[in-house]
Amino acid sequence: MGIIVDVKGETCPIPLIETRKAIRKMNSGDELEVIGNHDASKAEIPMAVESLGEELLRIEDESDGKTWHIFIKKT
């Protein structure tokens, strides 16, 4: 079972901070789903994932055009 971090309604830097906190608590092979709706965070989180050496699995947009889901795997 993966970890879910819901940061809808939050703006920078909160989504990035919460994502980093969750990644630190994860074990290798664990998956994280970050749910948000702040455009800048949608761009910043994948860059942070790469710089941390973790695996960005995918980014999915909801049909509302605002909410996104970022899936990350701890390496």
C-alpha atoms as a PDB file:
ATOM      1  CA  MET A   1       0.000   0.000   0.000  1.00  0.00           C
ATOM      2  CA  GLY A   2       1.358   3.384  -0.964  1.00  0.00           C
ATOM      3  CA  ILE A   3       1.493   6.584   1.010  1.00  0.00           C
ATOM      4  CA  ILE A   4      -0.778   9.473   0.023  1.00  0.00           C
ATOM      5  CA  VAL A   5       0.042  13.127   0.667  1.00  0.00           C
ATOM      6  CA  ASP A   6      -2.910  15.413  -0.048  1.00  0.00           C
ATOM      7  CA  VAL A   7      -1.772  19.017  -0.448  1.00  0.00           C
ATOM      8  CA  LYS A   8      -4.781  20.369  -2.349  1.00  0.00           C
ATOM      9  CA  GLY A   9      -5.262  24.038  -1.519  1.00  0.00           C
ATOM     10  CA  GLU A  10      -1.648  24.463  -0.394  1.00  0.00           C
ATOM     11  CA  THR A  11       0.860  26.683  -2.196  1.00  0.00           C
ATOM     12  CA  CYS A  12       4.653  26.702  -2.330  1.00  0.00           C
ATOM     13  CA  PRO A  13       6.576  25.653  -0.449  1.00  0.00           C
ATOM     14  CA  ILE A  14       4.155  23.441   1.526  1.00  0.00           C
ATOM     15  CA  PRO A  15       3.557  20.731  -1.138  1.00  0.00           C
ATOM     16  CA  LEU A  16       7.288  20.319  -1.707  1.00  0.00           C
ATOM     17  CA  ILE A  17       8.040  20.236   2.032  1.00  0.00           C
ATOM     18  CA  GLU A  18       5.339  17.633   2.672  1.00  0.00           C
ATOM     19  CA  THR A  19       6.576  15.523  -0.253  1.00  0.00           C
ATOM     20  CA  ARG A  20      10.150  15.572   1.043  1.00  0.00           C
ATOM     21  CA  LYS A  21       8.967  14.654   4.564  1.00  0.00           C
ATOM     22  CA  ALA A  22       7.042  11.664   3.199  1.00  0.00           C
ATOM     23  CA  ILE A  23       9.983  10.480   1.066  1.00  0.00           C
ATOM     24  CA  ARG A  24      12.294  10.574   4.110  1.00  0.00           C
ATOM     25  CA  LYS A  25       9.922   8.253   6.010  1.00  0.00           C
ATOM     26  CA  MET A  26       9.597   5.758   3.156  1.00  0.00           C
ATOM     27  CA  ASN A  27      11.494   2.513   2.676  1.00  0.00           C
ATOM     28  CA  SER A  28      13.090   1.472  -0.604  1.00  0.00           C
ATOM     29  CA  GLY A  29      10.397   0.265  -2.999  1.00  0.00           C
ATOM     30  CA  ASP A  30       7.584   2.221  -1.314  1.00  0.00           C
ATOM     31  CA  GLU A  31       5.346   4.358  -3.496  1.00  0.00           C
ATOM     32  CA  LEU A  32       4.021   7.835  -2.769  1.00  0.00           C
ATOM     33  CA  GLU A  33       1.074   9.621  -4.348  1.00  0.00           C
ATOM     34  CA  VAL A  34       1.019  13.399  -4.010  1.00  0.00           C
ATOM     35  CA  ILE A  35      -2.329  15.063  -4.766  1.00  0.00           C
ATOM     36  CA  GLY A  36      -2.438  18.797  -5.314  1.00  0.00           C
ATOM     37  CA  ASN A  37      -3.711  21.692  -7.392  1.00  0.00           C
ATOM     38  CA  HIS A  38      -0.916  24.272  -7.265  1.00  0.00           C
ATOM     39  CA  ASP A  39       0.670  24.624 -10.726  1.00  0.00           C
ATOM     40  CA  ALA A  40       4.142  25.602  -9.524  1.00  0.00           C
ATOM     41  CA  SER A  41       4.299  22.583  -7.218  1.00  0.00           C
ATOM     42  CA  LYS A  42       3.382  20.302 -10.119  1.00  0.00           C
ATOM     43  CA  ALA A  43       6.619  21.444 -11.766  1.00  0.00           C
ATOM     44  CA  GLU A  44       8.794  21.679  -8.631  1.00  0.00           C
ATOM     45  CA  ILE A  45       8.005  18.276  -7.115  1.00  0.00           C
ATOM     46  CA  PRO A  46       9.245  16.230 -10.104  1.00  0.00           C
ATOM     47  CA  MET A  47      12.478  18.278 -10.168  1.00  0.00           C
ATOM     48  CA  ALA A  48      12.981  17.623  -6.457  1.00  0.00           C
ATOM     49  CA  VAL A  49      12.285  13.911  -6.914  1.00  0.00           C
ATOM     50  CA  GLU A  50      14.996  13.759  -9.582  1.00  0.00           C
ATOM     51  CA  SER A  51      17.504  15.694  -7.456  1.00  0.00           C
ATOM     52  CA  LEU A  52      16.834  13.330  -4.534  1.00  0.00           C
ATOM     53  CA  GLY A  53      17.544  10.343  -6.785  1.00  0.00           C
ATOM     54  CA  GLU A  54      14.046   8.895  -6.482  1.00  0.00           C
ATOM     55  CA  GLU A  55      11.922   7.556  -9.339  1.00  0.00           C
ATOM     56  CA  LEU A  56       9.121   9.644 -10.831  1.00  0.00           C
ATOM     57  CA  LEU A  57       6.573   7.069 -11.980  1.00  0.00           C
ATOM     58  CA  ARG A  58       3.980   9.311 -13.610  1.00  0.00           C
ATOM     59  CA  ILE A  59       1.934  12.485 -13.389  1.00  0.00           C
ATOM     60  CA  GLU A  60      -1.822  12.312 -13.954  1.00  0.00           C
ATOM     61  CA  ASP A  61      -4.261  15.189 -14.345  1.00  0.00           C
ATOM     62  CA  GLU A  62      -7.870  14.927 -13.212  1.00  0.00           C
ATOM     63  CA  SER A  63     -10.673  15.839 -15.593  1.00  0.00           C
ATOM     64  CA  ASP A  64     -11.273  19.103 -13.703  1.00  0.00           C
ATOM     65  CA  GLY A  65      -8.045  20.415 -15.253  1.00  0.00           C
ATOM     66  CA  LYS A  66      -6.792  21.639 -11.894  1.00  0.00           C
ATOM     67  CA  THR A  67      -6.020  18.667  -9.668  1.00  0.00           C
ATOM     68  CA  TRP A  68      -2.973  16.512 -10.342  1.00  0.00           C
ATOM     69  CA  HIS A  69      -1.471  13.315  -8.922  1.00  0.00           C
ATOM     70  CA  ILE A  70       2.280  12.697  -8.865  1.00  0.00           C
ATOM     71  CA  PHE A  71       3.442   9.124  -8.290  1.00  0.00           C
ATOM     72  CA  ILE A  72       6.914   8.554  -6.850  1.00  0.00           C
ATOM     73  CA  LYS A  73       8.849   5.395  -6.001  1.00  0.00           C
ATOM     74  CA  LYS A  74      11.554   5.399  -3.325  1.00  0.00           C
ATOM     75  CA  THR A  75      14.709   3.846  -4.742  1.00  0.00           C
END
